[in-house]
Structure formats: structure tokens, C-alpha cells
N, C-alpha and C. Protein backbone atom coordinates (compact mmCIF):
# COMPACT_ATOMS: atom_id res chain seq x y z
N MET A 1 -44.03 21.49 32.13
CA MET A 1 -43.34 22.28 33.10
C MET A 1 -41.89 21.89 33.10
N SER A 2 -41.14 22.83 33.45
CA SER A 2 -39.70 22.62 33.44
C SER A 2 -39.25 22.20 34.80
N THR A 3 -38.30 21.30 34.86
CA THR A 3 -37.84 20.76 36.14
C THR A 3 -36.70 21.62 36.72
N GLY A 4 -36.16 22.54 35.94
CA GLY A 4 -35.10 23.38 36.40
C GLY A 4 -33.70 22.85 36.23
N LYS A 5 -33.59 21.65 35.69
CA LYS A 5 -32.27 21.08 35.42
C LYS A 5 -31.79 21.53 34.03
N LYS A 6 -30.50 21.89 33.92
CA LYS A 6 -29.94 22.28 32.64
C LYS A 6 -29.02 21.16 32.17
N LYS A 7 -29.05 20.95 30.87
CA LYS A 7 -28.18 19.92 30.29
C LYS A 7 -26.79 20.52 30.03
N LYS A 8 -25.79 19.77 30.28
CA LYS A 8 -24.42 20.22 30.02
C LYS A 8 -24.12 19.95 28.55
N SER A 9 -23.46 20.96 27.91
CA SER A 9 -23.15 20.79 26.48
C SER A 9 -21.75 20.14 26.38
N LYS A 10 -21.58 19.29 25.40
CA LYS A 10 -20.31 18.62 25.17
C LYS A 10 -19.62 19.26 23.99
N LYS A 11 -18.27 19.28 24.02
CA LYS A 11 -17.50 19.77 22.90
C LYS A 11 -17.49 18.73 21.81
N SER A 12 -17.48 19.20 20.58
CA SER A 12 -17.46 18.30 19.43
C SER A 12 -16.07 17.68 19.32
N THR A 13 -16.01 16.37 19.27
CA THR A 13 -14.74 15.66 19.09
C THR A 13 -14.88 14.66 18.01
N SER A 14 -13.74 14.34 17.39
CA SER A 14 -13.77 13.37 16.31
C SER A 14 -13.75 11.92 16.84
N SER A 15 -13.26 11.78 18.06
CA SER A 15 -13.22 10.44 18.63
C SER A 15 -13.39 10.60 20.15
N GLY A 16 -13.41 9.50 20.80
CA GLY A 16 -13.63 9.53 22.23
C GLY A 16 -12.41 9.94 23.04
N ASN A 17 -11.26 10.24 22.41
CA ASN A 17 -10.09 10.56 23.19
C ASN A 17 -9.98 12.02 23.58
N GLY A 18 -10.90 12.89 23.22
CA GLY A 18 -10.93 14.25 23.66
C GLY A 18 -10.22 15.28 22.83
N PHE A 19 -9.65 14.95 21.66
CA PHE A 19 -8.99 15.93 20.83
C PHE A 19 -10.00 16.57 19.89
N PRO A 20 -10.10 17.89 19.91
CA PRO A 20 -11.00 18.54 19.00
C PRO A 20 -10.55 18.41 17.53
N VAL A 21 -11.49 18.37 16.66
CA VAL A 21 -11.24 18.20 15.22
C VAL A 21 -10.42 19.36 14.70
N ARG A 22 -10.71 20.57 15.13
CA ARG A 22 -9.98 21.74 14.67
C ARG A 22 -8.48 21.68 14.99
N SER A 23 -8.16 21.17 16.15
CA SER A 23 -6.73 21.06 16.50
C SER A 23 -6.00 20.08 15.61
N ILE A 24 -6.63 18.99 15.28
CA ILE A 24 -6.03 18.01 14.39
C ILE A 24 -5.82 18.61 13.01
N ILE A 25 -6.82 19.29 12.49
CA ILE A 25 -6.73 19.90 11.15
C ILE A 25 -5.63 20.95 11.15
N LEU A 26 -5.59 21.81 12.15
CA LEU A 26 -4.55 22.85 12.22
C LEU A 26 -3.15 22.22 12.34
N GLY A 27 -3.04 21.16 13.07
CA GLY A 27 -1.77 20.44 13.17
C GLY A 27 -1.30 19.89 11.84
N LEU A 28 -2.22 19.30 11.09
CA LEU A 28 -1.90 18.79 9.77
C LEU A 28 -1.50 19.92 8.79
N ILE A 29 -2.19 21.00 8.85
CA ILE A 29 -1.84 22.17 8.01
C ILE A 29 -0.46 22.68 8.36
N LEU A 30 -0.16 22.77 9.64
CA LEU A 30 1.16 23.26 10.08
C LEU A 30 2.24 22.31 9.62
N LEU A 31 2.01 21.01 9.74
CA LEU A 31 2.95 20.01 9.27
C LEU A 31 3.22 20.14 7.78
N ALA A 32 2.15 20.33 6.98
CA ALA A 32 2.31 20.49 5.55
C ALA A 32 3.15 21.74 5.19
N VAL A 33 2.91 22.84 5.90
CA VAL A 33 3.67 24.06 5.66
C VAL A 33 5.13 23.84 6.02
N LEU A 34 5.40 23.18 7.11
CA LEU A 34 6.79 22.93 7.49
C LEU A 34 7.52 22.03 6.49
N ILE A 35 6.82 21.04 5.98
CA ILE A 35 7.43 20.14 4.98
C ILE A 35 7.73 20.91 3.69
N ALA A 36 6.75 21.71 3.24
CA ALA A 36 6.97 22.52 2.04
C ALA A 36 8.13 23.51 2.19
N GLY A 37 8.22 24.13 3.35
CA GLY A 37 9.33 25.04 3.61
C GLY A 37 10.69 24.34 3.59
N GLY A 38 10.71 23.15 4.17
CA GLY A 38 11.96 22.38 4.18
C GLY A 38 12.36 21.96 2.80
N MET A 39 11.39 21.59 1.98
CA MET A 39 11.70 21.19 0.58
C MET A 39 12.23 22.41 -0.19
N TRP A 40 11.65 23.57 0.02
CA TRP A 40 12.09 24.80 -0.66
C TRP A 40 13.52 25.11 -0.26
N LEU A 41 13.84 25.02 1.03
CA LEU A 41 15.21 25.31 1.49
C LEU A 41 16.18 24.32 0.90
N ALA A 42 15.83 23.07 0.84
CA ALA A 42 16.69 22.06 0.30
C ALA A 42 17.00 22.32 -1.18
N LYS A 43 15.98 22.77 -1.92
CA LYS A 43 16.18 23.09 -3.32
C LYS A 43 17.11 24.28 -3.49
N GLN A 44 16.95 25.31 -2.64
CA GLN A 44 17.83 26.47 -2.69
C GLN A 44 19.30 26.06 -2.39
N ARG A 45 19.48 25.23 -1.43
CA ARG A 45 20.83 24.81 -1.05
C ARG A 45 21.43 23.93 -2.14
N GLN A 46 20.61 23.09 -2.77
CA GLN A 46 21.11 22.22 -3.84
C GLN A 46 21.63 23.08 -5.02
N ALA A 47 20.95 24.16 -5.33
CA ALA A 47 21.39 25.04 -6.43
C ALA A 47 22.75 25.66 -6.10
N VAL A 48 22.93 26.10 -4.86
CA VAL A 48 24.18 26.74 -4.47
C VAL A 48 25.31 25.71 -4.45
N VAL A 49 25.02 24.48 -4.01
CA VAL A 49 26.05 23.42 -3.99
C VAL A 49 26.44 23.10 -5.40
N GLY A 50 25.51 22.97 -6.34
CA GLY A 50 25.84 22.70 -7.73
C GLY A 50 26.72 23.78 -8.33
N TYR A 51 26.42 25.03 -8.00
CA TYR A 51 27.23 26.16 -8.47
C TYR A 51 28.64 26.07 -7.88
N ASP A 52 28.75 25.88 -6.59
CA ASP A 52 30.04 25.84 -5.91
C ASP A 52 30.91 24.72 -6.49
N GLU A 53 30.35 23.53 -6.65
CA GLU A 53 31.12 22.40 -7.18
C GLU A 53 31.55 22.65 -8.58
N SER A 54 30.66 23.21 -9.41
CA SER A 54 30.97 23.43 -10.82
C SER A 54 32.06 24.48 -10.99
N ILE A 55 31.96 25.56 -10.26
CA ILE A 55 32.94 26.65 -10.43
C ILE A 55 34.31 26.17 -9.93
N ALA A 56 34.34 25.34 -8.89
CA ALA A 56 35.64 24.78 -8.44
C ALA A 56 36.26 23.89 -9.47
N LYS A 57 35.48 23.02 -10.08
CA LYS A 57 36.01 22.11 -11.10
C LYS A 57 36.50 22.87 -12.35
N ILE A 58 35.73 23.84 -12.79
CA ILE A 58 36.11 24.60 -13.99
C ILE A 58 37.31 25.47 -13.72
N THR A 59 37.37 26.10 -12.56
CA THR A 59 38.54 26.92 -12.18
C THR A 59 39.80 26.06 -12.17
N GLU A 60 39.71 24.87 -11.59
CA GLU A 60 40.86 23.97 -11.56
C GLU A 60 41.25 23.53 -12.98
N ALA A 61 40.29 23.23 -13.82
CA ALA A 61 40.57 22.83 -15.20
C ALA A 61 41.24 23.98 -15.96
N LEU A 62 40.76 25.18 -15.77
CA LEU A 62 41.38 26.33 -16.45
C LEU A 62 42.82 26.55 -15.93
N ARG A 63 43.02 26.40 -14.65
CA ARG A 63 44.33 26.59 -14.04
C ARG A 63 45.33 25.54 -14.48
N SER A 64 44.85 24.28 -14.64
CA SER A 64 45.78 23.19 -14.97
C SER A 64 46.06 23.09 -16.47
N ARG A 65 45.25 23.70 -17.28
CA ARG A 65 45.44 23.64 -18.74
C ARG A 65 46.36 24.75 -19.20
N ASP A 66 47.41 24.34 -19.88
CA ASP A 66 48.31 25.29 -20.50
C ASP A 66 48.05 25.24 -22.00
N PRO A 67 47.75 26.39 -22.62
CA PRO A 67 47.48 26.38 -24.04
C PRO A 67 48.59 25.76 -24.89
N GLU A 68 49.83 25.75 -24.37
CA GLU A 68 50.96 25.21 -25.12
C GLU A 68 51.17 23.73 -24.87
N SER A 69 50.46 23.13 -23.89
CA SER A 69 50.68 21.73 -23.57
C SER A 69 49.98 20.84 -24.58
N ALA A 70 50.18 19.54 -24.42
CA ALA A 70 49.57 18.59 -25.31
C ALA A 70 48.08 18.56 -25.17
N GLN A 71 47.57 18.82 -23.94
CA GLN A 71 46.13 18.82 -23.72
C GLN A 71 45.47 20.01 -24.40
N GLY A 72 46.19 21.14 -24.45
CA GLY A 72 45.63 22.35 -25.05
C GLY A 72 44.70 23.01 -24.08
N PRO A 73 44.09 24.11 -24.49
CA PRO A 73 43.17 24.85 -23.61
C PRO A 73 41.86 24.11 -23.40
N LEU A 74 41.13 24.50 -22.40
CA LEU A 74 39.82 23.91 -22.08
C LEU A 74 38.82 24.20 -23.20
N GLN A 75 38.19 23.16 -23.71
CA GLN A 75 37.20 23.30 -24.75
C GLN A 75 35.82 23.45 -24.13
N LEU A 76 34.94 24.19 -24.78
CA LEU A 76 33.58 24.35 -24.31
C LEU A 76 32.85 22.98 -24.22
N SER A 77 33.17 22.07 -25.13
CA SER A 77 32.54 20.75 -25.11
C SER A 77 32.94 19.93 -23.87
N GLU A 78 34.03 20.29 -23.23
CA GLU A 78 34.48 19.58 -22.01
C GLU A 78 33.83 20.13 -20.75
N VAL A 79 33.21 21.29 -20.84
CA VAL A 79 32.62 21.95 -19.65
C VAL A 79 31.45 21.15 -19.12
N ALA A 80 30.63 20.54 -19.98
CA ALA A 80 29.41 19.83 -19.55
C ALA A 80 29.75 18.75 -18.53
N ALA A 81 30.87 18.08 -18.70
CA ALA A 81 31.28 17.00 -17.75
C ALA A 81 31.68 17.54 -16.42
N LEU A 82 32.01 18.82 -16.34
CA LEU A 82 32.44 19.45 -15.08
C LEU A 82 31.31 20.07 -14.29
N LEU A 83 30.11 20.13 -14.88
CA LEU A 83 28.98 20.82 -14.22
C LEU A 83 28.30 19.91 -13.22
N SER A 84 27.87 20.48 -12.11
CA SER A 84 27.05 19.75 -11.12
C SER A 84 25.70 20.42 -11.07
N GLY A 85 24.69 19.62 -10.79
CA GLY A 85 23.34 20.16 -10.76
C GLY A 85 22.75 20.27 -12.15
N ASN A 86 21.78 21.16 -12.31
CA ASN A 86 21.09 21.30 -13.57
C ASN A 86 21.02 22.79 -13.92
N PRO A 87 22.13 23.38 -14.41
CA PRO A 87 22.11 24.82 -14.68
C PRO A 87 21.39 25.12 -15.99
N GLU A 88 20.89 26.35 -16.07
CA GLU A 88 20.35 26.85 -17.33
C GLU A 88 21.53 27.35 -18.14
N THR A 89 21.56 26.98 -19.44
CA THR A 89 22.68 27.36 -20.28
C THR A 89 22.22 28.28 -21.39
N THR A 90 22.91 29.39 -21.59
CA THR A 90 22.59 30.31 -22.68
C THR A 90 23.93 30.73 -23.32
N ARG A 91 23.80 31.20 -24.58
CA ARG A 91 24.94 31.78 -25.28
C ARG A 91 24.59 33.24 -25.51
N GLU A 92 25.61 34.09 -25.40
CA GLU A 92 25.40 35.52 -25.68
C GLU A 92 26.64 36.11 -26.29
N THR A 93 26.42 37.21 -27.01
CA THR A 93 27.54 37.99 -27.56
C THR A 93 27.47 39.35 -26.95
N LYS A 94 28.61 39.80 -26.42
CA LYS A 94 28.68 41.08 -25.75
C LYS A 94 29.99 41.76 -26.14
N ASP A 95 29.93 42.95 -26.63
CA ASP A 95 31.10 43.69 -27.04
C ASP A 95 31.97 42.91 -28.03
N GLY A 96 31.36 42.17 -28.91
CA GLY A 96 32.07 41.43 -29.93
C GLY A 96 32.65 40.10 -29.47
N SER A 97 32.42 39.73 -28.22
CA SER A 97 32.95 38.47 -27.69
C SER A 97 31.82 37.50 -27.46
N ASP A 98 32.08 36.23 -27.63
CA ASP A 98 31.08 35.19 -27.38
C ASP A 98 31.24 34.68 -25.98
N TYR A 99 30.11 34.35 -25.33
CA TYR A 99 30.09 33.85 -23.95
C TYR A 99 29.11 32.69 -23.83
N ALA A 100 29.46 31.73 -22.98
CA ALA A 100 28.51 30.71 -22.55
C ALA A 100 28.19 31.06 -21.10
N VAL A 101 26.89 31.16 -20.80
CA VAL A 101 26.46 31.56 -19.46
C VAL A 101 25.69 30.41 -18.81
N TYR A 102 26.11 30.07 -17.60
CA TYR A 102 25.48 29.00 -16.83
C TYR A 102 24.92 29.57 -15.56
N THR A 103 23.61 29.41 -15.31
CA THR A 103 22.99 29.92 -14.08
C THR A 103 22.17 28.80 -13.42
N TRP A 104 22.20 28.84 -12.09
CA TRP A 104 21.44 27.87 -11.29
C TRP A 104 20.24 28.59 -10.72
N PRO A 105 19.03 28.03 -10.89
CA PRO A 105 17.83 28.69 -10.38
C PRO A 105 17.78 28.65 -8.86
N GLY A 106 17.17 29.60 -8.30
CA GLY A 106 17.03 29.68 -6.84
C GLY A 106 16.45 31.00 -6.46
N ASN A 107 16.44 31.27 -5.19
CA ASN A 107 15.95 32.56 -4.66
C ASN A 107 16.73 33.70 -5.29
N ARG A 108 18.01 33.51 -5.43
CA ARG A 108 18.88 34.49 -6.04
C ARG A 108 19.75 33.69 -7.02
N LYS A 109 19.59 33.99 -8.30
CA LYS A 109 20.32 33.19 -9.29
C LYS A 109 21.81 33.42 -9.15
N VAL A 110 22.58 32.32 -9.19
CA VAL A 110 24.01 32.40 -9.17
C VAL A 110 24.49 31.68 -10.42
N GLY A 111 25.67 32.05 -10.86
CA GLY A 111 26.19 31.44 -12.06
C GLY A 111 27.53 32.01 -12.46
N PHE A 112 27.96 31.64 -13.69
CA PHE A 112 29.18 32.21 -14.21
C PHE A 112 29.11 32.31 -15.72
N ARG A 113 30.01 33.12 -16.24
CA ARG A 113 30.07 33.41 -17.69
C ARG A 113 31.48 32.97 -18.16
N LEU A 114 31.51 32.17 -19.21
CA LEU A 114 32.76 31.74 -19.77
C LEU A 114 32.99 32.50 -21.10
N LYS A 115 34.10 33.18 -21.19
CA LYS A 115 34.45 33.87 -22.42
C LYS A 115 35.06 32.87 -23.39
N LEU A 116 34.60 32.90 -24.62
CA LEU A 116 35.02 31.90 -25.59
C LEU A 116 35.78 32.55 -26.73
N GLU A 117 36.73 31.80 -27.29
CA GLU A 117 37.41 32.19 -28.52
C GLU A 117 37.31 31.05 -29.50
N LYS A 118 37.01 31.39 -30.72
CA LYS A 118 36.85 30.39 -31.81
C LYS A 118 38.25 29.95 -32.22
N ASN A 119 38.48 28.66 -32.29
CA ASN A 119 39.76 28.11 -32.80
C ASN A 119 39.39 27.00 -33.76
N GLY A 120 39.20 27.37 -34.98
CA GLY A 120 38.76 26.39 -35.99
C GLY A 120 37.32 26.00 -35.67
N PRO A 121 37.00 24.71 -35.61
CA PRO A 121 35.63 24.28 -35.34
C PRO A 121 35.25 24.27 -33.85
N THR A 122 36.24 24.50 -32.99
CA THR A 122 35.95 24.40 -31.56
C THR A 122 35.96 25.77 -30.89
N ASP A 123 35.28 25.84 -29.75
CA ASP A 123 35.29 27.02 -28.90
C ASP A 123 36.18 26.77 -27.70
N GLU A 124 37.17 27.62 -27.45
CA GLU A 124 38.05 27.49 -26.32
C GLU A 124 37.64 28.46 -25.23
N VAL A 125 37.68 27.99 -23.99
CA VAL A 125 37.37 28.84 -22.83
C VAL A 125 38.62 29.59 -22.45
N VAL A 126 38.53 30.94 -22.45
CA VAL A 126 39.70 31.73 -22.13
C VAL A 126 39.56 32.51 -20.82
N GLU A 127 38.33 32.64 -20.31
CA GLU A 127 38.13 33.43 -19.11
C GLU A 127 36.84 32.99 -18.41
N LEU A 128 36.85 33.08 -17.07
CA LEU A 128 35.66 32.76 -16.27
C LEU A 128 35.34 33.98 -15.42
N ALA A 129 34.08 34.38 -15.37
CA ALA A 129 33.63 35.44 -14.50
C ALA A 129 32.37 34.97 -13.79
N THR A 130 32.27 35.28 -12.50
CA THR A 130 31.08 34.88 -11.73
C THR A 130 29.99 35.92 -11.88
N LEU A 131 28.76 35.45 -11.67
CA LEU A 131 27.58 36.31 -11.72
C LEU A 131 26.90 36.30 -10.37
N ASN A 132 26.56 37.43 -9.80
CA ASN A 132 25.79 37.54 -8.57
C ASN A 132 26.36 36.75 -7.41
N ALA A 133 27.64 36.52 -7.39
CA ALA A 133 28.25 35.78 -6.30
C ALA A 133 28.75 36.75 -5.25
N GLU A 134 28.52 36.43 -3.98
CA GLU A 134 28.98 37.30 -2.90
C GLU A 134 29.93 36.53 -2.02
């Protein structure tokens, strides 16, 4: 026979402090998503900073170099020392002119194109144009 008393049900907890297991798991998932998002944003910003620093250095080098001076024009081999970050480098020929193209990966690729002229065994940088910069 039944005595008429009902047992109270207890919520499932991982420990005696009263926090449900689901809440802890959801909190950890949320934390992981926030960390991943922060890392992604930092990577995007790092690409833009590398581009900004590089274009400033190369623009200054082009401005300060006079083709008639003892230093001569900026050589393509000197550009690598002026780059910040880790850009992707490609060479292309367009309308009969040679170009070195540097792009930084990110949500929206940014970069620049250097127009080159052959002067004996070396390539001289004669012009700089930005790509996808706003």
C-alpha cells in the first residue's frame, strides 16, 4: 500500500555546490568562442598593421631616393628589408610592364604593386600603387 508521500526530485549537479552541468559546459563553449573570435580579430589587425608600416617605409624610401644621387633608385632587393608582417609575394607582367605584388592575408586582402624597370641585372622600383585600400 502506498503511504501517500511523494519523493522530491533533485536536479542533476556535478558537485554539491548547486551548479548544473549544462551551465558549466555552455559557459566553457562560450569562452572558447570568445577566445577564437579575439584571435581572429587580432590576426586581421596584424595584417593591416603590417601593410600600413610597409607602405609607409617604402613610400619614404621612394621619396628620399633620387635616381641621380649616389644611392640611386630603390632596388627591388632592398624592398624585403622594408616589409612588415608576412605578405604574399608574386610577380606579374601587365601591359608590357613588370610588377612585384605584395598582399597581406585577411578578411579583405590589402597590398600594393611596385612597377619595376630592368636596369642591367637589377630591378628598380619606379612606381607604387595600392590595392584594395580605402
